[in-house]
Amino acid sequence: MKAAILIPNIASRDAVGADAMAMFRILVAAGIETRIFCDAAGDIGERTYPAERLPSFAGGSGDLVIYHYSMGWKKGIDLLGRCRASASSSTTT
Protein backbone atom coordinates (compact mmCIF):
# COMPACT_ATOMS: atom_id res chain seq x y z
CA MET A 1 0.00 0.00 0.00
CA LYS A 2 1.11 3.51 -0.82
CA ALA A 3 -0.49 6.76 0.31
CA ALA A 4 -0.57 10.10 -1.48
CA ILE A 5 -1.62 13.46 -0.11
CA LEU A 6 -2.87 15.76 -2.86
CA ILE A 7 -2.96 19.45 -1.98
CA PRO A 8 -2.69 22.58 -4.18
CA ASN A 9 -0.15 24.40 -1.99
CA ILE A 10 1.51 23.41 1.25
CA ALA A 11 3.32 25.62 3.75
CA SER A 12 4.57 24.83 7.21
CA ARG A 13 3.02 27.81 8.95
CA ASP A 14 -0.68 27.57 8.17
CA ALA A 15 -3.48 25.33 9.42
CA VAL A 16 -3.96 23.50 6.13
CA GLY A 17 -0.26 22.73 5.78
CA ALA A 18 0.01 21.66 9.42
CA ASP A 19 -2.94 19.30 9.00
CA ALA A 20 -1.52 17.75 5.82
CA MET A 21 1.89 17.34 7.47
CA ALA A 22 0.29 15.64 10.49
CA MET A 23 -1.41 13.17 8.13
CA PHE A 24 1.91 12.60 6.37
CA ARG A 25 3.75 11.88 9.63
CA ILE A 26 1.05 9.49 10.88
CA LEU A 27 1.10 7.50 7.64
CA VAL A 28 4.90 7.33 7.55
CA ALA A 29 4.99 6.26 11.22
CA ALA A 30 2.59 3.45 10.31
CA GLY A 31 5.15 2.21 7.78
CA ILE A 32 3.23 3.35 4.70
CA GLU A 33 5.22 4.82 1.82
CA THR A 34 3.71 8.30 1.59
CA ARG A 35 4.28 11.25 -0.71
CA ILE A 36 2.89 14.78 -0.91
CA PHE A 37 1.79 15.96 -4.36
CA CYS A 38 1.25 19.69 -4.93
CA ASP A 39 1.81 22.64 -7.26
CA ALA A 40 3.76 24.70 -4.72
CA ALA A 41 5.45 24.05 -1.39
CA GLY A 42 6.96 26.28 1.25
CA ASP A 43 9.58 25.21 3.75
CA ILE A 44 7.96 22.02 5.09
CA GLY A 45 11.06 19.92 5.58
CA GLU A 46 9.85 17.08 3.35
CA ARG A 47 10.24 16.37 -0.34
CA THR A 48 7.15 17.10 -2.44
CA TYR A 49 6.28 15.89 -5.91
CA PRO A 50 4.55 17.60 -8.85
CA ALA A 51 0.80 17.04 -8.67
CA GLU A 52 0.79 15.58 -12.19
CA ARG A 53 2.86 12.60 -10.99
CA LEU A 54 0.24 11.42 -8.50
CA PRO A 55 -1.51 8.85 -10.77
CA SER A 56 1.75 7.05 -11.51
CA PHE A 57 2.57 6.75 -7.80
CA ALA A 58 -0.76 5.86 -6.22
CA GLY A 59 -2.50 4.17 -9.09
CA GLY A 60 -3.26 0.79 -7.55
CA SER A 61 -6.58 -0.28 -6.11
CA GLY A 62 -4.92 -0.91 -2.72
CA ASP A 63 -3.43 2.59 -2.53
CA LEU A 64 -4.85 5.55 -0.65
CA VAL A 65 -5.20 9.07 -2.05
CA ILE A 66 -6.12 11.87 0.36
CA TYR A 67 -7.29 14.99 -1.43
CA HIS A 68 -6.80 17.72 1.16
CA TYR A 69 -9.51 20.09 0.00
CA SER A 70 -9.13 23.64 1.29
CA MET A 71 -10.00 25.66 -1.82
CA GLY A 72 -11.28 25.05 -5.32
CA TRP A 73 -8.68 23.31 -7.46
CA LYS A 74 -9.91 21.87 -10.78
CA LYS A 75 -6.56 20.23 -11.45
CA GLY A 76 -6.81 18.31 -8.17
CA ILE A 77 -10.31 17.05 -8.97
CA ASP A 78 -9.13 15.96 -12.44
CA LEU A 79 -6.12 14.14 -10.99
CA LEU A 80 -8.24 12.45 -8.34
CA GLY A 81 -10.57 11.21 -11.06
CA ARG A 82 -7.65 9.56 -12.85
CA CYS A 83 -6.66 7.44 -9.85
CA ARG A 84 -7.88 3.93 -9.25
CA ALA A 85 -6.93 4.14 -5.58
CA SER A 86 -9.38 4.29 -2.72
CA ALA A 87 -10.34 7.94 -2.32
CA SER A 88 -10.64 10.00 0.82
CA SER A 89 -11.30 13.67 1.27
CA SER A 90 -10.22 16.02 4.03
CA THR A 91 -11.40 19.52 4.78
CA THR A 92 -10.06 22.03 7.26
CA THR A 93 -12.50 24.29 9.04
PDB file of N, CA and C in Angstrom:
ATOM      1  N   MET A   1       0.843  -1.188   0.000  1.00  0.00           N
ATOM      2  CA  MET A   1       0.000   0.000   0.000  1.00  0.00           C
ATOM      3  C   MET A   1       0.881   1.242   0.000  1.00  0.00           C
ATOM      4  N   LYS A   2       0.477   2.201  -0.802  1.00  0.00           N
ATOM      5  CA  LYS A   2       1.112   3.514  -0.819  1.00  0.00           C
ATOM      6  C   LYS A   2       0.036   4.544  -0.523  1.00  0.00           C
ATOM      7  N   ALA A   3       0.451   5.675   0.027  1.00  0.00           N
ATOM      8  CA  ALA A   3      -0.487   6.763   0.309  1.00  0.00           C
ATOM      9  C   ALA A   3       0.032   8.045  -0.325  1.00  0.00           C
ATOM     10  N   ALA A   4      -0.902   8.811  -0.862  1.00  0.00           N
ATOM     11  CA  ALA A   4      -0.574  10.096  -1.479  1.00  0.00           C
ATOM     12  C   ALA A   4      -1.466  11.170  -0.875  1.00  0.00           C
ATOM     13  N   ILE A   5      -0.868  12.300  -0.574  1.00  0.00           N
ATOM     14  CA  ILE A   5      -1.621  13.464  -0.111  1.00  0.00           C
ATOM     15  C   ILE A   5      -1.575  14.476  -1.249  1.00  0.00           C
ATOM     16  N   LEU A   6      -2.734  14.825  -1.746  1.00  0.00           N
ATOM     17  CA  LEU A   6      -2.869  15.763  -2.860  1.00  0.00           C
ATOM     18  C   LEU A   6      -3.383  17.085  -2.317  1.00  0.00           C
ATOM     19  N   ILE A   7      -2.621  18.136  -2.530  1.00  0.00           N
ATOM     20  CA  ILE A   7      -2.956  19.454  -1.981  1.00  0.00           C
ATOM     21  C   ILE A   7      -2.421  20.523  -2.935  1.00  0.00           C
ATOM     22  N   PRO A   8      -3.175  21.588  -3.207  1.00  0.00           N
ATOM     23  CA  PRO A   8      -2.689  22.578  -4.178  1.00  0.00           C
ATOM     24  C   PRO A   8      -1.370  23.231  -3.765  1.00  0.00           C
ATOM     25  N   ASN A   9      -1.325  23.711  -2.533  1.00  0.00           N
ATOM     26  CA  ASN A   9      -0.147  24.400  -1.990  1.00  0.00           C
ATOM     27  C   ASN A   9       0.029  23.950  -0.552  1.00  0.00           C
ATOM     28  N   ILE A  10       1.262  23.808  -0.137  1.00  0.00           N
ATOM     29  CA  ILE A  10       1.507  23.414   1.252  1.00  0.00           C
ATOM     30  C   ILE A  10       2.607  24.291   1.836  1.00  0.00           C
ATOM     31  N   ALA A  11       2.353  24.796   3.017  1.00  0.00           N
ATOM     32  CA  ALA A  11       3.317  25.618   3.749  1.00  0.00           C
ATOM     33  C   ALA A  11       3.318  25.155   5.202  1.00  0.00           C
ATOM     34  N   SER A  12       4.434  25.330   5.852  1.00  0.00           N
ATOM     35  CA  SER A  12       4.571  24.825   7.214  1.00  0.00           C
ATOM     36  C   SER A  12       3.875  25.674   8.268  1.00  0.00           C
ATOM     37  N   ARG A  13       3.529  26.897   7.920  1.00  0.00           N
ATOM     38  CA  ARG A  13       3.023  27.805   8.952  1.00  0.00           C
ATOM     39  C   ARG A  13       1.566  28.196   8.757  1.00  0.00           C
ATOM     40  N   ASP A  14       0.759  27.301   8.215  1.00  0.00           N
ATOM     41  CA  ASP A  14      -0.676  27.567   8.171  1.00  0.00           C
ATOM     42  C   ASP A  14      -1.423  26.300   8.571  1.00  0.00           C
ATOM     43  N   ALA A  15      -2.692  26.445   8.895  1.00  0.00           N
ATOM     44  CA  ALA A  15      -3.476  25.327   9.421  1.00  0.00           C
ATOM     45  C   ALA A  15      -3.599  24.195   8.411  1.00  0.00           C
ATOM     46  N   VAL A  16      -3.794  24.527   7.157  1.00  0.00           N
ATOM     47  CA  VAL A  16      -3.956  23.496   6.126  1.00  0.00           C
ATOM     48  C   VAL A  16      -2.657  22.698   5.981  1.00  0.00           C
ATOM     49  N   GLY A  17      -1.555  23.402   5.899  1.00  0.00           N
ATOM     50  CA  GLY A  17      -0.265  22.726   5.784  1.00  0.00           C
ATOM     51  C   GLY A  17       0.056  21.893   7.011  1.00  0.00           C
ATOM     52  N   ALA A  18      -0.232  22.409   8.188  1.00  0.00           N
ATOM     53  CA  ALA A  18       0.014  21.661   9.421  1.00  0.00           C
ATOM     54  C   ALA A  18      -0.821  20.389   9.460  1.00  0.00           C
ATOM     55  N   ASP A  19      -2.065  20.474   9.022  1.00  0.00           N
ATOM     56  CA  ASP A  19      -2.938  19.303   9.003  1.00  0.00           C
ATOM     57  C   ASP A  19      -2.420  18.257   8.018  1.00  0.00           C
ATOM     58  N   ALA A  20      -2.047  18.686   6.821  1.00  0.00           N
ATOM     59  CA  ALA A  20      -1.517  17.753   5.823  1.00  0.00           C
ATOM     60  C   ALA A  20      -0.223  17.111   6.312  1.00  0.00           C
ATOM     61  N   MET A  21       0.638  17.892   6.960  1.00  0.00           N
ATOM     62  CA  MET A  21       1.891  17.342   7.470  1.00  0.00           C
ATOM     63  C   MET A  21       1.638  16.348   8.601  1.00  0.00           C
ATOM     64  N   ALA A  22       0.630  16.598   9.433  1.00  0.00           N
ATOM     65  CA  ALA A  22       0.288  15.643  10.490  1.00  0.00           C
ATOM     66  C   ALA A  22      -0.163  14.318   9.869  1.00  0.00           C
ATOM     67  N   MET A  23      -0.987  14.391   8.830  1.00  0.00           N
ATOM     68  CA  MET A  23      -1.407  13.173   8.125  1.00  0.00           C
ATOM     69  C   MET A  23      -0.189  12.435   7.575  1.00  0.00           C
ATOM     70  N   PHE A  24       0.702  13.181   6.941  1.00  0.00           N
ATOM     71  CA  PHE A  24       1.914  12.602   6.367  1.00  0.00           C
ATOM     72  C   PHE A  24       2.706  11.856   7.437  1.00  0.00           C
ATOM     73  N   ARG A  25       2.946  12.497   8.564  1.00  0.00           N
ATOM     74  CA  ARG A  25       3.748  11.882   9.629  1.00  0.00           C
ATOM     75  C   ARG A  25       3.087  10.630  10.201  1.00  0.00           C
ATOM     76  N   ILE A  26       1.779  10.656  10.364  1.00  0.00           N
ATOM     77  CA  ILE A  26       1.053   9.489  10.884  1.00  0.00           C
ATOM     78  C   ILE A  26       1.178   8.310   9.921  1.00  0.00           C
ATOM     79  N   LEU A  27       1.003   8.571   8.635  1.00  0.00           N
ATOM     80  CA  LEU A  27       1.095   7.501   7.640  1.00  0.00           C
ATOM     81  C   LEU A  27       2.506   6.923   7.574  1.00  0.00           C
ATOM     82  N   VAL A  28       3.510   7.789   7.581  1.00  0.00           N
ATOM     83  CA  VAL A  28       4.896   7.329   7.553  1.00  0.00           C
ATOM     84  C   VAL A  28       5.213   6.512   8.805  1.00  0.00           C
ATOM     85  N   ALA A  29       4.756   6.977   9.967  1.00  0.00           N
ATOM     86  CA  ALA A  29       4.994   6.260  11.222  1.00  0.00           C
ATOM     87  C   ALA A  29       4.340   4.877  11.208  1.00  0.00           C
ATOM     88  N   ALA A  30       3.275   4.739  10.437  1.00  0.00           N
ATOM     89  CA  ALA A  30       2.589   3.447  10.311  1.00  0.00           C
ATOM     90  C   ALA A  30       3.285   2.541   9.303  1.00  0.00           C
ATOM     91  N   GLY A  31       4.380   3.021   8.721  1.00  0.00           N
ATOM     92  CA  GLY A  31       5.148   2.214   7.782  1.00  0.00           C
ATOM     93  C   GLY A  31       4.631   2.246   6.357  1.00  0.00           C
ATOM     94  N   ILE A  32       3.809   3.232   6.040  1.00  0.00           N
ATOM     95  CA  ILE A  32       3.235   3.352   4.703  1.00  0.00           C
ATOM     96  C   ILE A  32       4.066   4.333   3.881  1.00  0.00           C
ATOM     97  N   GLU A  33       4.489   3.903   2.716  1.00  0.00           N
ATOM     98  CA  GLU A  33       5.218   4.816   1.817  1.00  0.00           C
ATOM     99  C   GLU A  33       4.262   5.930   1.412  1.00  0.00           C
ATOM    100  N   THR A  34       4.612   7.161   1.766  1.00  0.00           N
ATOM    101  CA  THR A  34       3.707   8.298   1.592  1.00  0.00           C
ATOM    102  C   THR A  34       4.434   9.443   0.909  1.00  0.00           C
ATOM    103  N   ARG A  35       3.729  10.079  -0.019  1.00  0.00           N
ATOM    104  CA  ARG A  35       4.276  11.253  -0.707  1.00  0.00           C
ATOM    105  C   ARG A  35       3.234  12.361  -0.734  1.00  0.00           C
ATOM    106  N   ILE A  36       3.738  13.592  -0.794  1.00  0.00           N
ATOM    107  CA  ILE A  36       2.890  14.776  -0.908  1.00  0.00           C
ATOM    108  C   ILE A  36       2.998  15.285  -2.344  1.00  0.00           C
ATOM    109  N   PHE A  37       1.845  15.471  -2.984  1.00  0.00           N
ATOM    110  CA  PHE A  37       1.787  15.962  -4.358  1.00  0.00           C
ATOM    111  C   PHE A  37       1.116  17.323  -4.362  1.00  0.00           C
ATOM    112  N   CYS A  38       1.774  18.324  -4.960  1.00  0.00           N
ATOM    113  CA  CYS A  38       1.251  19.692  -4.934  1.00  0.00           C
ATOM    114  C   CYS A  38       1.820  20.499  -6.092  1.00  0.00           C
ATOM    115  N   ASP A  39       1.272  21.703  -6.264  1.00  0.00           N
ATOM    116  CA  ASP A  39       1.812  22.636  -7.258  1.00  0.00           C
ATOM    117  C   ASP A  39       2.887  23.533  -6.664  1.00  0.00           C
ATOM    118  N   ALA A  40       2.792  23.813  -5.376  1.00  0.00           N
ATOM    119  CA  ALA A  40       3.764  24.696  -4.724  1.00  0.00           C
ATOM    120  C   ALA A  40       3.936  24.287  -3.267  1.00  0.00           C
ATOM    121  N   ALA A  41       5.166  24.414  -2.780  1.00  0.00           N
ATOM    122  CA  ALA A  41       5.452  24.054  -1.390  1.00  0.00           C
ATOM    123  C   ALA A  41       6.385  25.082  -0.773  1.00  0.00           C
ATOM    124  N   GLY A  42       6.072  25.424   0.468  1.00  0.00           N
ATOM    125  CA  GLY A  42       6.964  26.279   1.251  1.00  0.00           C
ATOM    126  C   GLY A  42       7.958  25.395   1.977  1.00  0.00           C
ATOM    127  N   ASP A  43       8.577  25.929   2.975  1.00  0.00           N
ATOM    128  CA  ASP A  43       9.584  25.210   3.745  1.00  0.00           C
ATOM    129  C   ASP A  43       8.898  24.232   4.703  1.00  0.00           C
ATOM    130  N   ILE A  44       8.639  22.997   4.236  1.00  0.00           N
ATOM    131  CA  ILE A  44       7.959  22.023   5.093  1.00  0.00           C
ATOM    132  C   ILE A  44       8.889  20.925   5.592  1.00  0.00           C
ATOM    133  N   GLY A  45      10.101  20.889   5.092  1.00  0.00           N
ATOM    134  CA  GLY A  45      11.064  19.915   5.578  1.00  0.00           C
ATOM    135  C   GLY A  45      10.900  18.516   4.996  1.00  0.00           C
ATOM    136  N   GLU A  46      10.058  18.362   4.016  1.00  0.00           N
ATOM    137  CA  GLU A  46       9.851  17.081   3.347  1.00  0.00           C
ATOM    138  C   GLU A  46       9.860  17.310   1.839  1.00  0.00           C
ATOM    139  N   ARG A  47      10.266  16.296   1.121  1.00  0.00           N
ATOM    140  CA  ARG A  47      10.236  16.372  -0.337  1.00  0.00           C
ATOM    141  C   ARG A  47       8.783  16.334  -0.807  1.00  0.00           C
ATOM    142  N   THR A  48       8.466  17.141  -1.807  1.00  0.00           N
ATOM    143  CA  THR A  48       7.153  17.097  -2.437  1.00  0.00           C
ATOM    144  C   THR A  48       7.340  16.731  -3.906  1.00  0.00           C
ATOM    145  N   TYR A  49       6.248  16.347  -4.527  1.00  0.00           N
ATOM    146  CA  TYR A  49       6.275  15.894  -5.909  1.00  0.00           C
ATOM    147  C   TYR A  49       5.263  16.690  -6.714  1.00  0.00           C
ATOM    148  N   PRO A  50       5.523  16.887  -8.017  1.00  0.00           N
ATOM    149  CA  PRO A  50       4.549  17.601  -8.848  1.00  0.00           C
ATOM    150  C   PRO A  50       3.206  16.868  -8.849  1.00  0.00           C
ATOM    151  N   ALA A  51       2.147  17.626  -8.741  1.00  0.00           N
ATOM    152  CA  ALA A  51       0.805  17.044  -8.667  1.00  0.00           C
ATOM    153  C   ALA A  51       0.546  16.081  -9.824  1.00  0.00           C
ATOM    154  N   GLU A  52       1.038  16.395 -11.004  1.00  0.00           N
ATOM    155  CA  GLU A  52       0.792  15.576 -12.192  1.00  0.00           C
ATOM    156  C   GLU A  52       1.320  14.155 -12.062  1.00  0.00           C
ATOM    157  N   ARG A  53       2.259  13.930 -11.149  1.00  0.00           N
ATOM    158  CA  ARG A  53       2.858  12.602 -10.988  1.00  0.00           C
ATOM    159  C   ARG A  53       2.070  11.701 -10.054  1.00  0.00           C
ATOM    160  N   LEU A  54       1.015  12.214  -9.449  1.00  0.00           N
ATOM    161  CA  LEU A  54       0.238  11.423  -8.501  1.00  0.00           C
ATOM    162  C   LEU A  54      -0.288  10.119  -9.092  1.00  0.00           C
ATOM    163  N   PRO A  55      -0.949  10.117 -10.266  1.00  0.00           N
ATOM    164  CA  PRO A  55      -1.515   8.855 -10.766  1.00  0.00           C
ATOM    165  C   PRO A  55      -0.483   7.743 -10.981  1.00  0.00           C
ATOM    166  N   SER A  56       0.742   8.097 -11.309  1.00  0.00           N
ATOM    167  CA  SER A  56       1.750   7.054 -11.512  1.00  0.00           C
ATOM    168  C   SER A  56       2.280   6.497 -10.189  1.00  0.00           C
ATOM    169  N   PHE A  57       2.112   7.229  -9.098  1.00  0.00           N
ATOM    170  CA  PHE A  57       2.569   6.750  -7.797  1.00  0.00           C
ATOM    171  C   PHE A  57       1.484   5.944  -7.088  1.00  0.00           C
ATOM    172  N   ALA A  58       0.320   6.504  -6.974  1.00  0.00           N
ATOM    173  CA  ALA A  58      -0.761   5.859  -6.220  1.00  0.00           C
ATOM    174  C   ALA A  58      -1.868   5.447  -7.177  1.00  0.00           C
ATOM    175  N   GLY A  59      -1.533   4.565  -8.084  1.00  0.00           N
ATOM    176  CA  GLY A  59      -2.498   4.168  -9.089  1.00  0.00           C
ATOM    177  C   GLY A  59      -3.144   2.825  -8.839  1.00  0.00           C
ATOM    178  N   GLY A  60      -2.713   2.115  -7.808  1.00  0.00           N
ATOM    179  CA  GLY A  60      -3.256   0.789  -7.553  1.00  0.00           C
ATOM    180  C   GLY A  60      -4.520   0.813  -6.717  1.00  0.00           C
ATOM    181  N   SER A  61      -5.315  -0.233  -6.844  1.00  0.00           N
ATOM    182  CA  SER A  61      -6.583  -0.275  -6.109  1.00  0.00           C
ATOM    183  C   SER A  61      -6.372  -0.392  -4.602  1.00  0.00           C
ATOM    184  N   GLY A  62      -5.201  -0.813  -4.150  1.00  0.00           N
ATOM    185  CA  GLY A  62      -4.922  -0.905  -2.723  1.00  0.00           C
ATOM    186  C   GLY A  62      -4.268   0.336  -2.147  1.00  0.00           C
ATOM    187  N   ASP A  63      -4.074   1.354  -2.976  1.00  0.00           N
ATOM    188  CA  ASP A  63      -3.433   2.587  -2.532  1.00  0.00           C
ATOM    189  C   ASP A  63      -4.467   3.566  -1.982  1.00  0.00           C
ATOM    190  N   LEU A  64      -3.992   4.531  -1.244  1.00  0.00           N
ATOM    191  CA  LEU A  64      -4.845   5.553  -0.647  1.00  0.00           C
ATOM    192  C   LEU A  64      -4.450   6.919  -1.188  1.00  0.00           C
ATOM    193  N   VAL A  65      -5.436   7.694  -1.618  1.00  0.00           N
ATOM    194  CA  VAL A  65      -5.205   9.075  -2.046  1.00  0.00           C
ATOM    195  C   VAL A  65      -6.057   9.966  -1.160  1.00  0.00           C
ATOM    196  N   ILE A  66      -5.417  10.890  -0.475  1.00  0.00           N
ATOM    197  CA  ILE A  66      -6.121  11.870   0.356  1.00  0.00           C
ATOM    198  C   ILE A  66      -6.067  13.202  -0.367  1.00  0.00           C
ATOM    199  N   TYR A  67      -7.214  13.668  -0.798  1.00  0.00           N
ATOM    200  CA  TYR A  67      -7.292  14.986  -1.433  1.00  0.00           C
ATOM    201  C   TYR A  67      -7.616  15.970  -0.319  1.00  0.00           C
ATOM    202  N   HIS A  68      -6.634  16.746   0.070  1.00  0.00           N
ATOM    203  CA  HIS A  68      -6.804  17.717   1.155  1.00  0.00           C
ATOM    204  C   HIS A  68      -7.445  18.961   0.562  1.00  0.00           C
ATOM    205  N   TYR A  69      -8.754  19.006   0.616  1.00  0.00           N
ATOM    206  CA  TYR A  69      -9.512  20.091  -0.003  1.00  0.00           C
ATOM    207  C   TYR A  69      -9.576  21.291   0.944  1.00  0.00           C
ATOM    208  N   SER A  70      -9.054  22.410   0.492  1.00  0.00           N
ATOM    209  CA  SER A  70      -9.132  23.638   1.289  1.00  0.00           C
ATOM    210  C   SER A  70      -9.575  24.823   0.438  1.00  0.00           C
ATOM    211  N   MET A  71      -9.576  24.632  -0.874  1.00  0.00           N
ATOM    212  CA  MET A  71     -10.002  25.664  -1.815  1.00  0.00           C
ATOM    213  C   MET A  71     -10.293  24.977  -3.143  1.00  0.00           C
ATOM    214  N   GLY A  72     -11.012  25.643  -4.024  1.00  0.00           N
ATOM    215  CA  GLY A  72     -11.282  25.050  -5.318  1.00  0.00           C
ATOM    216  C   GLY A  72      -9.998  24.815  -6.100  1.00  0.00           C
ATOM    217  N   TRP A  73      -9.879  23.636  -6.705  1.00  0.00           N
ATOM    218  CA  TRP A  73      -8.681  23.306  -7.465  1.00  0.00           C
ATOM    219  C   TRP A  73      -9.067  22.276  -8.531  1.00  0.00           C
ATOM    220  N   LYS A  74      -9.444  22.745  -9.705  1.00  0.00           N
ATOM    221  CA  LYS A  74      -9.913  21.866 -10.782  1.00  0.00           C
ATOM    222  C   LYS A  74      -8.877  20.800 -11.114  1.00  0.00           C
ATOM    223  N   LYS A  75      -7.634  21.181 -11.149  1.00  0.00           N
ATOM    224  CA  LYS A  75      -6.565  20.229 -11.455  1.00  0.00           C
ATOM    225  C   LYS A  75      -6.572  19.070 -10.465  1.00  0.00           C
ATOM    226  N   GLY A  76      -6.775  19.362  -9.187  1.00  0.00           N
ATOM    227  CA  GLY A  76      -6.814  18.314  -8.172  1.00  0.00           C
ATOM    228  C   GLY A  76      -7.970  17.347  -8.387  1.00  0.00           C
ATOM    229  N   ILE A  77      -9.144  17.889  -8.704  1.00  0.00           N
ATOM    230  CA  ILE A  77     -10.307  17.050  -8.972  1.00  0.00           C
ATOM    231  C   ILE A  77     -10.038  16.167 -10.190  1.00  0.00           C
ATOM    232  N   ASP A  78      -9.454  16.737 -11.238  1.00  0.00           N
ATOM    233  CA  ASP A  78      -9.128  15.963 -12.443  1.00  0.00           C
ATOM    234  C   ASP A  78      -8.132  14.845 -12.132  1.00  0.00           C
ATOM    235  N   LEU A  79      -7.100  15.151 -11.348  1.00  0.00           N
ATOM    236  CA  LEU A  79      -6.116  14.136 -10.985  1.00  0.00           C
ATOM    237  C   LEU A  79      -6.749  13.040 -10.130  1.00  0.00           C
ATOM    238  N   LEU A  80      -7.574  13.431  -9.199  1.00  0.00           N
ATOM    239  CA  LEU A  80      -8.243  12.453  -8.340  1.00  0.00           C
ATOM    240  C   LEU A  80      -9.092  11.505  -9.176  1.00  0.00           C
ATOM    241  N   GLY A  81      -9.742  12.034 -10.184  1.00  0.00           N
ATOM    242  CA  GLY A  81     -10.570  11.212 -11.055  1.00  0.00           C
ATOM    243  C   GLY A  81      -9.781  10.220 -11.894  1.00  0.00           C
ATOM    244  N   ARG A  82      -8.498  10.459 -12.071  1.00  0.00           N
ATOM    245  CA  ARG A  82      -7.650   9.562 -12.854  1.00  0.00           C
ATOM    246  C   ARG A  82      -7.055   8.430 -12.033  1.00  0.00           C
ATOM    247  N   CYS A  83      -7.234   8.468 -10.724  1.00  0.00           N
ATOM    248  CA  CYS A  83      -6.661   7.444  -9.849  1.00  0.00           C
ATOM    249  C   CYS A  83      -7.633   6.296  -9.661  1.00  0.00           C
ATOM    250  N   ARG A  84      -7.083   5.101  -9.553  1.00  0.00           N
ATOM    251  CA  ARG A  84      -7.883   3.925  -9.252  1.00  0.00           C
ATOM    252  C   ARG A  84      -7.821   3.597  -7.768  1.00  0.00           C
ATOM    253  N   ALA A  85      -7.095   4.402  -7.012  1.00  0.00           N
ATOM    254  CA  ALA A  85      -6.926   4.138  -5.580  1.00  0.00           C
ATOM    255  C   ALA A  85      -8.221   4.402  -4.826  1.00  0.00           C
ATOM    256  N   SER A  86      -8.272   3.935  -3.599  1.00  0.00           N
ATOM    257  CA  SER A  86      -9.375   4.292  -2.718  1.00  0.00           C
ATOM    258  C   SER A  86      -9.273   5.788  -2.473  1.00  0.00           C
ATOM    259  N   ALA A  87     -10.373   6.485  -2.454  1.00  0.00           N
ATOM    260  CA  ALA A  87     -10.337   7.937  -2.324  1.00  0.00           C
ATOM    261  C   ALA A  87     -10.846   8.363  -0.966  1.00  0.00           C
ATOM    262  N   SER A  88     -10.204   9.385  -0.420  1.00  0.00           N
ATOM    263  CA  SER A  88     -10.641   9.998   0.825  1.00  0.00           C
ATOM    264  C   SER A  88     -10.539  11.502   0.632  1.00  0.00           C
ATOM    265  N   SER A  89     -11.322  12.230   1.363  1.00  0.00           N
ATOM    266  CA  SER A  89     -11.301  13.673   1.265  1.00  0.00           C
ATOM    267  C   SER A  89     -11.136  14.262   2.653  1.00  0.00           C
ATOM    268  N   SER A  90     -10.415  15.355   2.752  1.00  0.00           N
ATOM    269  CA  SER A  90     -10.218  16.021   4.030  1.00  0.00           C
ATOM    270  C   SER A  90     -10.481  17.498   3.856  1.00  0.00           C
ATOM    271  N   THR A  91     -11.183  18.082   4.802  1.00  0.00           N
ATOM    272  CA  THR A  91     -11.403  19.522   4.777  1.00  0.00           C
ATOM    273  C   THR A  91     -10.945  20.104   6.091  1.00  0.00           C
ATOM    274  N   THR A  92     -10.490  21.319   6.052  1.00  0.00           N
ATOM    275  CA  THR A  92     -10.064  22.026   7.259  1.00  0.00           C
ATOM    276  C   THR A  92     -11.043  23.148   7.500  1.00  0.00           C
ATOM    277  N   THR A  93     -11.567  23.202   8.712  1.00  0.00           N
ATOM    278  CA  THR A  93     -12.502  24.286   9.041  1.00  0.00           C
ATOM    279  C   THR A  93     -11.910  25.199  10.057  1.00  0.00           C
TER     280      THR A  93
END
